[in-house]
Amino acid sequence: MILYRFLLLFMLMGIANARGQNTSYVKVYIEQNGKKYLLNNQTVKLERKPFTLIFEFTKPDTVAGIYINTSLLPEPYYLLLPSQEIPEFEYLPQKVLSEYKFNPHKELKVHPEFFQYWSYNPHRNWNKFDRIEKRNGKIIAYRRIENLDFVKQSRRIPVEDNRRSLYLFFTVVKKDPRSFSGLKEWERFKAKLKF
């Protein structure tokens, strides 16, 4: 009888966890040539030409920003299992690369360790997207990518000149005063872009 109760409790906890994991705060799509793909732990084959990243903030009152790491190599972030912590997670805000407002260079920064942080705050008159739409309580943000900025090499190239795959790692975090780092990860996903 005790074993039966334990198994029932274990199954209920699994169902609750599965439901919690289905909560999505941000959906990311990639669009090229009129084709739109949901980025969620898969490989997407693209032509060597500009594309657009589309961010759908489904709960903008809770989460209006996302951290993105783009690298030529799958380590260290792309290879992380869902159960593994992000290395040096507590320093994530300090690992954000600086950028101009409104994405004037139409770029994606490529670096093995550092992140870009893209967010929308209605109380500011700037953001790092090309354009913002408000639709049915959601925020839809567009970021066109025409160039790749290889930060370590101090070199920017057009997407057309890139021959290598890109590994994208996305994480949504929130401030959490109860945790040691002051941050808590809510969701993560990744995508490999092949050119």
N, C-alpha and C. Protein backbone atom coordinates (compact mmCIF):
# COMPACT_ATOMS: atom_id res chain seq x y z
N MET A 1 0.82 -1.19 0.00
CA MET A 1 0.00 0.00 0.00
C MET A 1 0.87 1.27 0.00
N ILE A 2 1.94 1.22 0.78
CA ILE A 2 2.84 2.39 0.83
C ILE A 2 3.50 2.58 -0.53
N LEU A 3 3.91 1.48 -1.16
CA LEU A 3 4.51 1.56 -2.48
C LEU A 3 3.52 2.15 -3.49
N TYR A 4 2.26 1.74 -3.41
CA TYR A 4 1.23 2.26 -4.31
C TYR A 4 1.08 3.78 -4.14
N ARG A 5 1.03 4.25 -2.90
CA ARG A 5 0.90 5.69 -2.64
C ARG A 5 2.12 6.45 -3.16
N PHE A 6 3.29 5.86 -2.96
CA PHE A 6 4.52 6.50 -3.43
C PHE A 6 4.50 6.63 -4.96
N LEU A 7 4.10 5.55 -5.66
CA LEU A 7 4.04 5.61 -7.11
C LEU A 7 3.00 6.62 -7.60
N LEU A 8 1.86 6.68 -6.93
CA LEU A 8 0.82 7.64 -7.30
C LEU A 8 1.32 9.07 -7.11
N LEU A 9 1.97 9.33 -5.99
CA LEU A 9 2.54 10.65 -5.73
C LEU A 9 3.60 11.01 -6.77
N PHE A 10 4.45 10.06 -7.11
CA PHE A 10 5.51 10.28 -8.11
C PHE A 10 4.90 10.62 -9.47
N MET A 11 3.82 9.89 -9.86
CA MET A 11 3.17 10.16 -11.14
C MET A 11 2.52 11.54 -11.15
N LEU A 12 1.88 11.93 -10.05
CA LEU A 12 1.25 13.25 -9.99
C LEU A 12 2.29 14.36 -10.07
N MET A 13 3.43 14.15 -9.43
CA MET A 13 4.50 15.15 -9.51
C MET A 13 5.01 15.26 -10.94
N GLY A 14 5.13 14.14 -11.63
CA GLY A 14 5.58 14.15 -13.03
C GLY A 14 4.61 14.90 -13.93
N ILE A 15 3.30 14.69 -13.70
CA ILE A 15 2.29 15.40 -14.49
C ILE A 15 2.36 16.89 -14.21
N ALA A 16 2.52 17.28 -12.95
CA ALA A 16 2.62 18.71 -12.61
C ALA A 16 3.86 19.32 -13.24
N ASN A 17 4.98 18.62 -13.21
CA ASN A 17 6.20 19.13 -13.83
C ASN A 17 6.03 19.27 -15.33
N ALA A 18 5.40 18.29 -15.96
CA ALA A 18 5.21 18.35 -17.41
C ALA A 18 4.33 19.54 -17.77
N ARG A 19 3.28 19.80 -16.96
CA ARG A 19 2.44 20.96 -17.23
C ARG A 19 3.22 22.24 -17.07
N GLY A 20 4.05 22.33 -16.05
CA GLY A 20 4.86 23.53 -15.83
C GLY A 20 5.82 23.77 -16.98
N GLN A 21 6.35 22.72 -17.56
CA GLN A 21 7.30 22.86 -18.64
C GLN A 21 6.61 23.29 -19.94
N ASN A 22 5.31 23.07 -20.04
CA ASN A 22 4.60 23.47 -21.24
C ASN A 22 4.30 24.98 -21.25
N THR A 23 4.50 25.63 -20.10
CA THR A 23 4.31 27.06 -20.03
C THR A 23 5.42 27.73 -20.82
N SER A 24 5.05 28.47 -21.82
CA SER A 24 6.04 29.14 -22.64
C SER A 24 5.88 30.64 -22.49
N TYR A 25 6.96 31.32 -22.16
CA TYR A 25 6.94 32.76 -21.99
C TYR A 25 7.37 33.47 -23.27
N VAL A 26 8.20 32.80 -24.05
CA VAL A 26 8.69 33.37 -25.30
C VAL A 26 8.72 32.26 -26.35
N LYS A 27 8.21 32.56 -27.53
CA LYS A 27 8.36 31.66 -28.68
C LYS A 27 9.22 32.40 -29.68
N VAL A 28 10.18 31.68 -30.27
CA VAL A 28 11.08 32.31 -31.24
C VAL A 28 10.92 31.59 -32.58
N TYR A 29 10.74 32.39 -33.62
CA TYR A 29 10.62 31.88 -34.97
C TYR A 29 11.74 32.47 -35.82
N ILE A 30 12.06 31.77 -36.89
CA ILE A 30 12.98 32.31 -37.88
C ILE A 30 12.24 32.33 -39.20
N GLU A 31 12.38 33.42 -39.92
CA GLU A 31 11.66 33.56 -41.18
C GLU A 31 12.63 33.93 -42.29
N GLN A 32 12.50 33.22 -43.39
CA GLN A 32 13.31 33.50 -44.58
C GLN A 32 12.51 33.06 -45.80
N ASN A 33 12.47 33.91 -46.82
CA ASN A 33 11.75 33.61 -48.07
C ASN A 33 10.28 33.27 -47.82
N GLY A 34 9.67 33.92 -46.83
CA GLY A 34 8.26 33.66 -46.56
C GLY A 34 8.00 32.39 -45.77
N LYS A 35 9.04 31.60 -45.47
CA LYS A 35 8.87 30.39 -44.65
C LYS A 35 9.24 30.72 -43.21
N LYS A 36 8.41 30.24 -42.30
CA LYS A 36 8.58 30.55 -40.88
C LYS A 36 8.72 29.25 -40.10
N TYR A 37 9.76 29.17 -39.27
CA TYR A 37 10.03 27.97 -38.48
C TYR A 37 10.06 28.32 -37.00
N LEU A 38 9.42 27.51 -36.17
CA LEU A 38 9.52 27.65 -34.73
C LEU A 38 10.85 27.07 -34.29
N LEU A 39 11.65 27.85 -33.58
CA LEU A 39 12.94 27.36 -33.10
C LEU A 39 12.73 26.70 -31.75
N ASN A 40 12.90 25.40 -31.72
CA ASN A 40 12.71 24.65 -30.47
C ASN A 40 13.50 23.36 -30.53
N ASN A 41 14.80 23.47 -30.32
CA ASN A 41 15.69 22.31 -30.20
C ASN A 41 15.80 21.50 -31.48
N GLN A 42 15.93 22.19 -32.61
CA GLN A 42 16.08 21.47 -33.88
C GLN A 42 17.06 22.21 -34.78
N THR A 43 17.35 21.59 -35.92
CA THR A 43 18.23 22.20 -36.93
C THR A 43 17.36 22.77 -38.04
N VAL A 44 17.70 24.00 -38.46
CA VAL A 44 16.99 24.66 -39.55
C VAL A 44 17.99 24.96 -40.65
N LYS A 45 17.67 24.55 -41.86
CA LYS A 45 18.53 24.81 -43.02
C LYS A 45 18.10 26.12 -43.65
N LEU A 46 19.04 27.07 -43.76
CA LEU A 46 18.77 28.37 -44.34
C LEU A 46 19.63 28.60 -45.56
N GLU A 47 19.15 29.47 -46.43
CA GLU A 47 19.98 29.93 -47.53
C GLU A 47 20.95 30.98 -46.98
N ARG A 48 22.05 31.19 -47.70
CA ARG A 48 23.01 32.19 -47.25
C ARG A 48 22.52 33.57 -47.67
N LYS A 49 21.52 34.04 -46.97
CA LYS A 49 20.97 35.37 -47.20
C LYS A 49 20.26 35.82 -45.94
N PRO A 50 19.91 37.12 -45.84
CA PRO A 50 19.31 37.63 -44.61
C PRO A 50 18.06 36.86 -44.17
N PHE A 51 17.82 36.90 -42.87
CA PHE A 51 16.65 36.26 -42.28
C PHE A 51 16.18 37.14 -41.13
N THR A 52 15.03 36.80 -40.59
CA THR A 52 14.44 37.56 -39.49
C THR A 52 14.15 36.63 -38.33
N LEU A 53 14.54 37.05 -37.13
CA LEU A 53 14.16 36.36 -35.90
C LEU A 53 12.92 37.07 -35.37
N ILE A 54 11.90 36.29 -35.03
CA ILE A 54 10.64 36.83 -34.53
C ILE A 54 10.42 36.29 -33.13
N PHE A 55 10.25 37.20 -32.19
CA PHE A 55 10.05 36.84 -30.78
C PHE A 55 8.62 37.15 -30.39
N GLU A 56 7.93 36.13 -29.93
CA GLU A 56 6.56 36.30 -29.47
C GLU A 56 6.57 36.18 -27.95
N PHE A 57 6.47 37.32 -27.27
CA PHE A 57 6.43 37.33 -25.81
C PHE A 57 4.98 37.07 -25.41
N THR A 58 4.71 35.83 -25.03
CA THR A 58 3.33 35.40 -24.77
C THR A 58 2.81 35.91 -23.43
N LYS A 59 3.70 36.22 -22.51
CA LYS A 59 3.32 36.77 -21.21
C LYS A 59 4.21 37.98 -20.93
N PRO A 60 4.01 39.09 -21.69
CA PRO A 60 4.92 40.22 -21.59
C PRO A 60 4.93 40.91 -20.24
N ASP A 61 3.85 40.76 -19.43
CA ASP A 61 3.86 41.35 -18.10
C ASP A 61 4.80 40.60 -17.17
N THR A 62 5.05 39.33 -17.49
CA THR A 62 5.93 38.50 -16.67
C THR A 62 7.34 38.50 -17.23
N VAL A 63 7.47 38.29 -18.54
CA VAL A 63 8.77 38.22 -19.19
C VAL A 63 8.72 39.04 -20.47
N ALA A 64 9.64 39.98 -20.60
CA ALA A 64 9.69 40.79 -21.82
C ALA A 64 11.10 40.80 -22.40
N GLY A 65 11.92 39.83 -22.02
CA GLY A 65 13.29 39.79 -22.53
C GLY A 65 13.83 38.38 -22.58
N ILE A 66 14.89 38.22 -23.38
CA ILE A 66 15.47 36.89 -23.57
C ILE A 66 16.97 37.03 -23.80
N TYR A 67 17.74 36.10 -23.24
CA TYR A 67 19.19 36.04 -23.45
C TYR A 67 19.47 35.09 -24.61
N ILE A 68 20.36 35.49 -25.51
CA ILE A 68 20.72 34.68 -26.68
C ILE A 68 22.23 34.57 -26.77
N ASN A 69 22.71 33.34 -26.88
CA ASN A 69 24.13 33.11 -27.18
C ASN A 69 24.19 32.51 -28.58
N THR A 70 25.06 33.07 -29.42
CA THR A 70 25.28 32.55 -30.76
C THR A 70 26.75 32.21 -30.89
N SER A 71 27.04 30.98 -31.31
CA SER A 71 28.42 30.52 -31.37
C SER A 71 28.63 29.66 -32.61
N LEU A 72 29.89 29.56 -33.02
CA LEU A 72 30.26 28.65 -34.11
C LEU A 72 30.46 27.23 -33.60
N LEU A 73 30.54 27.07 -32.29
CA LEU A 73 30.76 25.77 -31.67
C LEU A 73 29.60 25.42 -30.76
N PRO A 74 29.29 24.14 -30.60
CA PRO A 74 28.17 23.78 -29.74
C PRO A 74 28.46 23.91 -28.24
N GLU A 75 29.75 23.98 -27.87
CA GLU A 75 30.02 24.14 -26.46
C GLU A 75 30.24 25.61 -26.13
N PRO A 76 29.92 26.03 -24.90
CA PRO A 76 29.42 25.22 -23.79
C PRO A 76 27.90 25.16 -23.68
N TYR A 77 27.17 26.07 -24.35
CA TYR A 77 25.74 26.20 -24.06
C TYR A 77 24.85 25.26 -24.85
N TYR A 78 25.09 25.12 -26.12
CA TYR A 78 24.20 24.33 -26.98
C TYR A 78 24.11 22.88 -26.52
N LEU A 79 25.19 22.34 -25.98
CA LEU A 79 25.23 20.94 -25.57
C LEU A 79 24.63 20.69 -24.18
N LEU A 80 24.25 21.74 -23.48
CA LEU A 80 23.69 21.55 -22.14
C LEU A 80 22.40 20.75 -22.18
N LEU A 81 22.27 19.81 -21.26
CA LEU A 81 21.01 19.08 -21.09
C LEU A 81 20.04 19.95 -20.30
N PRO A 82 18.75 19.74 -20.44
CA PRO A 82 17.79 20.56 -19.69
C PRO A 82 18.02 20.55 -18.18
N SER A 83 18.57 19.46 -17.67
CA SER A 83 18.80 19.37 -16.22
C SER A 83 20.10 20.04 -15.77
N GLN A 84 20.96 20.41 -16.71
CA GLN A 84 22.24 21.02 -16.35
C GLN A 84 22.12 22.53 -16.21
N GLU A 85 22.80 23.05 -15.21
CA GLU A 85 22.80 24.50 -15.00
C GLU A 85 23.67 25.19 -16.03
N ILE A 86 23.32 26.41 -16.35
CA ILE A 86 24.13 27.24 -17.24
C ILE A 86 25.40 27.61 -16.49
N PRO A 87 26.59 27.40 -17.10
CA PRO A 87 27.83 27.76 -16.41
C PRO A 87 27.84 29.25 -16.05
N GLU A 88 28.24 29.54 -14.82
CA GLU A 88 28.32 30.91 -14.32
C GLU A 88 27.00 31.67 -14.49
N PHE A 89 25.92 30.96 -14.23
CA PHE A 89 24.59 31.52 -14.42
C PHE A 89 24.40 32.84 -13.67
N GLU A 90 24.97 32.92 -12.47
CA GLU A 90 24.77 34.12 -11.66
C GLU A 90 25.39 35.38 -12.28
N TYR A 91 26.31 35.18 -13.24
CA TYR A 91 26.95 36.31 -13.90
C TYR A 91 26.34 36.62 -15.26
N LEU A 92 25.24 36.01 -15.58
CA LEU A 92 24.62 36.19 -16.90
C LEU A 92 24.42 37.67 -17.28
N PRO A 93 23.88 38.51 -16.40
CA PRO A 93 23.71 39.92 -16.78
C PRO A 93 25.03 40.63 -17.09
N GLN A 94 26.12 40.18 -16.48
CA GLN A 94 27.43 40.78 -16.74
C GLN A 94 28.05 40.25 -18.04
N LYS A 95 27.47 39.21 -18.62
CA LYS A 95 27.99 38.63 -19.86
C LYS A 95 27.23 39.12 -21.09
N VAL A 96 26.52 40.22 -20.97
CA VAL A 96 25.74 40.75 -22.08
C VAL A 96 26.59 41.73 -22.88
N LEU A 97 26.63 41.52 -24.18
CA LEU A 97 27.37 42.39 -25.08
C LEU A 97 26.59 43.69 -25.31
N SER A 98 27.31 44.79 -25.42
CA SER A 98 26.63 46.07 -25.66
C SER A 98 26.20 46.17 -27.13
N GLU A 99 25.10 46.87 -27.34
CA GLU A 99 24.54 47.02 -28.69
C GLU A 99 23.91 48.38 -28.86
N TYR A 100 23.74 48.78 -30.10
CA TYR A 100 23.04 50.02 -30.40
C TYR A 100 21.53 49.79 -30.33
N LYS A 101 20.79 50.87 -30.15
CA LYS A 101 19.33 50.81 -30.14
C LYS A 101 18.81 50.50 -31.54
N PHE A 102 17.72 49.78 -31.58
CA PHE A 102 16.95 49.51 -32.81
C PHE A 102 17.73 48.76 -33.89
N ASN A 103 18.78 48.04 -33.51
CA ASN A 103 19.48 47.13 -34.43
C ASN A 103 19.89 47.80 -35.74
N PRO A 104 20.65 48.90 -35.73
CA PRO A 104 20.98 49.60 -36.98
C PRO A 104 21.87 48.79 -37.91
N HIS A 105 22.68 47.87 -37.37
CA HIS A 105 23.58 47.07 -38.21
C HIS A 105 22.95 45.76 -38.66
N LYS A 106 21.71 45.53 -38.25
CA LYS A 106 20.98 44.31 -38.64
C LYS A 106 21.87 43.08 -38.41
N GLU A 107 22.31 42.92 -37.16
CA GLU A 107 23.34 41.91 -36.90
C GLU A 107 22.97 40.95 -35.78
N LEU A 108 23.69 39.85 -35.79
CA LEU A 108 23.68 38.85 -34.74
C LEU A 108 25.13 38.74 -34.28
N LYS A 109 25.36 38.93 -32.99
CA LYS A 109 26.72 38.85 -32.46
C LYS A 109 27.08 37.40 -32.18
N VAL A 110 28.28 37.00 -32.59
CA VAL A 110 28.74 35.62 -32.45
C VAL A 110 29.91 35.60 -31.47
N HIS A 111 29.72 34.86 -30.36
CA HIS A 111 30.76 34.75 -29.34
C HIS A 111 30.50 33.47 -28.54
N PRO A 112 31.56 32.70 -28.22
CA PRO A 112 31.32 31.42 -27.53
C PRO A 112 30.83 31.55 -26.09
N GLU A 113 31.06 32.69 -25.43
CA GLU A 113 30.71 32.81 -24.01
C GLU A 113 29.69 33.88 -23.70
N PHE A 114 29.63 34.94 -24.47
CA PHE A 114 28.79 36.08 -24.12
C PHE A 114 27.43 36.03 -24.80
N PHE A 115 26.54 36.85 -24.31
CA PHE A 115 25.13 36.83 -24.71
C PHE A 115 24.69 38.19 -25.24
N GLN A 116 23.60 38.18 -25.97
CA GLN A 116 22.85 39.38 -26.27
C GLN A 116 21.58 39.30 -25.42
N TYR A 117 21.10 40.45 -24.97
CA TYR A 117 19.85 40.47 -24.22
C TYR A 117 18.91 41.41 -24.95
N TRP A 118 17.81 40.86 -25.44
CA TRP A 118 16.83 41.62 -26.19
C TRP A 118 15.54 41.66 -25.39
N SER A 119 15.05 42.87 -25.17
CA SER A 119 13.85 43.01 -24.35
C SER A 119 12.99 44.15 -24.87
N TYR A 120 11.77 44.18 -24.36
CA TYR A 120 10.86 45.27 -24.66
C TYR A 120 10.32 45.82 -23.36
N ASN A 121 10.47 47.12 -23.16
CA ASN A 121 9.93 47.79 -21.99
C ASN A 121 9.07 48.94 -22.49
N PRO A 122 7.76 48.91 -22.25
CA PRO A 122 6.89 49.96 -22.80
C PRO A 122 7.17 51.34 -22.21
N HIS A 123 7.91 51.40 -21.11
CA HIS A 123 8.21 52.68 -20.47
C HIS A 123 9.49 53.32 -21.02
N ARG A 124 10.17 52.64 -21.93
CA ARG A 124 11.35 53.21 -22.57
C ARG A 124 11.02 53.51 -24.03
N ASN A 125 11.72 54.46 -24.59
CA ASN A 125 11.45 54.78 -25.99
C ASN A 125 12.49 54.14 -26.91
N TRP A 126 13.08 53.03 -26.46
CA TRP A 126 14.05 52.32 -27.30
C TRP A 126 14.04 50.84 -26.94
N ASN A 127 14.55 50.05 -27.86
CA ASN A 127 14.75 48.62 -27.64
C ASN A 127 15.78 48.16 -28.66
N LYS A 128 16.01 46.86 -28.75
CA LYS A 128 17.03 46.33 -29.66
C LYS A 128 16.43 45.52 -30.81
N PHE A 129 15.18 45.80 -31.11
CA PHE A 129 14.49 45.15 -32.22
C PHE A 129 14.31 46.15 -33.36
N ASP A 130 13.96 45.62 -34.53
CA ASP A 130 13.64 46.49 -35.67
C ASP A 130 12.25 47.10 -35.53
N ARG A 131 11.32 46.27 -35.09
CA ARG A 131 9.96 46.76 -34.88
C ARG A 131 9.23 45.91 -33.87
N ILE A 132 8.19 46.48 -33.28
CA ILE A 132 7.39 45.84 -32.24
C ILE A 132 5.92 45.93 -32.64
N GLU A 133 5.20 44.83 -32.42
CA GLU A 133 3.74 44.84 -32.60
C GLU A 133 3.10 44.34 -31.32
N LYS A 134 1.95 44.90 -30.98
CA LYS A 134 1.17 44.43 -29.84
C LYS A 134 -0.07 43.77 -30.42
N ARG A 135 -0.27 42.49 -30.05
CA ARG A 135 -1.37 41.73 -30.64
C ARG A 135 -1.95 40.77 -29.61
N ASN A 136 -3.23 40.92 -29.29
CA ASN A 136 -3.95 40.00 -28.38
C ASN A 136 -3.21 39.79 -27.06
N GLY A 137 -2.71 40.86 -26.47
CA GLY A 137 -2.02 40.76 -25.19
C GLY A 137 -0.60 40.26 -25.29
N LYS A 138 -0.11 40.04 -26.52
CA LYS A 138 1.26 39.58 -26.73
C LYS A 138 2.08 40.69 -27.36
N ILE A 139 3.40 40.58 -27.19
CA ILE A 139 4.33 41.47 -27.87
C ILE A 139 5.04 40.64 -28.93
N ILE A 140 5.00 41.08 -30.18
CA ILE A 140 5.72 40.42 -31.27
C ILE A 140 6.86 41.36 -31.67
N ALA A 141 8.10 40.87 -31.54
CA ALA A 141 9.27 41.69 -31.82
C ALA A 141 10.06 41.06 -32.97
N TYR A 142 10.52 41.90 -33.90
CA TYR A 142 11.21 41.44 -35.10
C TYR A 142 12.65 41.95 -35.08
N ARG A 143 13.57 41.08 -35.44
CA ARG A 143 14.97 41.46 -35.54
C ARG A 143 15.54 40.87 -36.83
N ARG A 144 15.81 41.73 -37.79
CA ARG A 144 16.37 41.30 -39.09
C ARG A 144 17.86 41.09 -38.94
N ILE A 145 18.34 39.98 -39.53
CA ILE A 145 19.76 39.64 -39.47
C ILE A 145 20.32 39.66 -40.89
N GLU A 146 21.16 40.63 -41.16
CA GLU A 146 21.85 40.74 -42.44
C GLU A 146 23.35 40.53 -42.30
N ASN A 147 23.87 40.71 -41.06
CA ASN A 147 25.30 40.60 -40.79
C ASN A 147 25.56 39.76 -39.56
N LEU A 148 26.74 39.16 -39.54
CA LEU A 148 27.22 38.44 -38.36
C LEU A 148 28.43 39.19 -37.82
N ASP A 149 28.36 39.53 -36.55
CA ASP A 149 29.46 40.25 -35.90
C ASP A 149 30.25 39.25 -35.06
N PHE A 150 31.43 38.88 -35.56
CA PHE A 150 32.30 37.96 -34.83
C PHE A 150 33.10 38.79 -33.83
N VAL A 151 32.62 38.83 -32.60
CA VAL A 151 33.12 39.76 -31.59
C VAL A 151 34.59 39.54 -31.28
N LYS A 152 35.00 38.29 -31.09
CA LYS A 152 36.40 38.01 -30.73
C LYS A 152 37.37 38.43 -31.83
N GLN A 153 36.95 38.35 -33.06
CA GLN A 153 37.82 38.71 -34.18
C GLN A 153 37.63 40.16 -34.61
N SER A 154 36.70 40.88 -33.97
CA SER A 154 36.38 42.26 -34.34
C SER A 154 36.11 42.37 -35.84
N ARG A 155 35.21 41.49 -36.29
CA ARG A 155 34.95 41.40 -37.73
C ARG A 155 33.46 41.20 -37.97
N ARG A 156 32.90 41.99 -38.87
CA ARG A 156 31.49 41.87 -39.23
C ARG A 156 31.42 41.45 -40.70
N ILE A 157 30.63 40.41 -40.98
CA ILE A 157 30.50 39.95 -42.37
C ILE A 157 29.02 39.84 -42.73
N PRO A 158 28.68 39.97 -44.01
CA PRO A 158 27.30 39.72 -44.42
C PRO A 158 26.95 38.24 -44.27
N VAL A 159 25.69 37.97 -43.99
CA VAL A 159 25.25 36.58 -43.87
C VAL A 159 25.60 35.78 -45.12
N GLU A 160 25.58 36.43 -46.28
CA GLU A 160 25.88 35.75 -47.54
C GLU A 160 27.29 35.16 -47.57
N ASP A 161 28.21 35.73 -46.79
CA ASP A 161 29.60 35.25 -46.80
C ASP A 161 29.86 34.16 -45.77
N ASN A 162 28.88 33.84 -44.96
CA ASN A 162 29.08 32.83 -43.92
C ASN A 162 28.86 31.43 -44.48
N ARG A 163 29.79 30.52 -44.18
CA ARG A 163 29.69 29.13 -44.64
C ARG A 163 29.53 28.14 -43.47
N ARG A 164 29.56 28.65 -42.26
CA ARG A 164 29.54 27.77 -41.09
C ARG A 164 28.18 27.77 -40.40
N SER A 165 27.90 26.68 -39.70
CA SER A 165 26.67 26.59 -38.92
C SER A 165 26.76 27.49 -37.70
N LEU A 166 25.61 27.94 -37.23
CA LEU A 166 25.52 28.74 -36.02
C LEU A 166 24.71 27.97 -34.98
N TYR A 167 25.20 27.99 -33.75
CA TYR A 167 24.51 27.35 -32.64
C TYR A 167 23.89 28.43 -31.77
N LEU A 168 22.56 28.45 -31.69
CA LEU A 168 21.85 29.46 -30.91
C LEU A 168 21.29 28.82 -29.64
N PHE A 169 21.51 29.50 -28.54
CA PHE A 169 21.02 29.05 -27.24
C PHE A 169 20.21 30.20 -26.63
N PHE A 170 18.97 29.94 -26.27
CA PHE A 170 18.08 30.96 -25.73
C PHE A 170 17.72 30.59 -24.29
N THR A 171 17.68 31.59 -23.41
CA THR A 171 17.21 31.34 -22.06
C THR A 171 16.40 32.52 -21.56
N VAL A 172 15.32 32.21 -20.87
CA VAL A 172 14.46 33.21 -20.27
C VAL A 172 14.68 33.13 -18.77
N VAL A 173 15.04 34.26 -18.16
CA VAL A 173 15.29 34.27 -16.72
C VAL A 173 14.44 35.37 -16.07
N LYS A 174 14.28 35.24 -14.77
CA LYS A 174 13.60 36.28 -14.00
C LYS A 174 14.40 36.54 -12.74
N LYS A 175 14.18 37.71 -12.17
CA LYS A 175 14.82 38.03 -10.90
C LYS A 175 14.13 37.22 -9.81
N ASP A 176 14.94 36.64 -8.92
CA ASP A 176 14.40 35.82 -7.85
C ASP A 176 15.20 36.09 -6.58
N PRO A 177 14.67 36.92 -5.67
CA PRO A 177 15.42 37.26 -4.47
C PRO A 177 15.66 36.07 -3.55
N ARG A 178 14.95 34.97 -3.76
CA ARG A 178 15.13 33.79 -2.91
C ARG A 178 16.33 32.94 -3.31
N SER A 179 16.83 33.13 -4.55
CA SER A 179 17.97 32.33 -4.98
C SER A 179 19.27 33.06 -4.68
N PHE A 180 20.35 32.30 -4.57
CA PHE A 180 21.66 32.86 -4.23
C PHE A 180 22.10 33.89 -5.27
N SER A 181 21.88 33.60 -6.54
CA SER A 181 22.34 34.50 -7.60
C SER A 181 21.39 35.67 -7.84
N GLY A 182 20.16 35.58 -7.29
CA GLY A 182 19.17 36.61 -7.55
C GLY A 182 18.43 36.39 -8.85
N LEU A 183 18.73 35.29 -9.57
CA LEU A 183 18.09 34.97 -10.84
C LEU A 183 17.54 33.56 -10.81
N LYS A 184 16.54 33.33 -11.64
CA LYS A 184 15.99 31.99 -11.82
C LYS A 184 15.70 31.79 -13.29
N GLU A 185 16.07 30.64 -13.82
CA GLU A 185 15.79 30.33 -15.22
C GLU A 185 14.39 29.76 -15.34
N TRP A 186 13.62 30.29 -16.30
CA TRP A 186 12.25 29.81 -16.51
C TRP A 186 12.16 28.83 -17.65
N GLU A 187 12.84 29.09 -18.73
CA GLU A 187 12.81 28.15 -19.85
C GLU A 187 14.03 28.37 -20.72
N ARG A 188 14.35 27.34 -21.50
CA ARG A 188 15.46 27.44 -22.45
C ARG A 188 15.16 26.59 -23.67
N PHE A 189 15.76 26.96 -24.76
CA PHE A 189 15.68 26.16 -25.98
C PHE A 189 16.84 26.55 -26.86
N LYS A 190 17.03 25.81 -27.93
CA LYS A 190 18.18 26.03 -28.79
C LYS A 190 17.83 25.71 -30.24
N ALA A 191 18.72 26.10 -31.13
CA ALA A 191 18.54 25.80 -32.55
C ALA A 191 19.89 25.84 -33.23
N LYS A 192 20.06 24.99 -34.21
CA LYS A 192 21.26 25.01 -35.04
C LYS A 192 20.83 25.52 -36.41
N LEU A 193 21.53 26.55 -36.89
CA LEU A 193 21.24 27.10 -38.22
C LEU A 193 22.32 26.64 -39.17
N LYS A 194 21.93 25.90 -40.20
CA LYS A 194 22.87 25.43 -41.21
C LYS A 194 22.71 26.27 -42.46
N PHE A 195 23.85 26.66 -43.04
CA PHE A 195 23.83 27.50 -44.25
C PHE A 195 24.44 26.74 -45.42
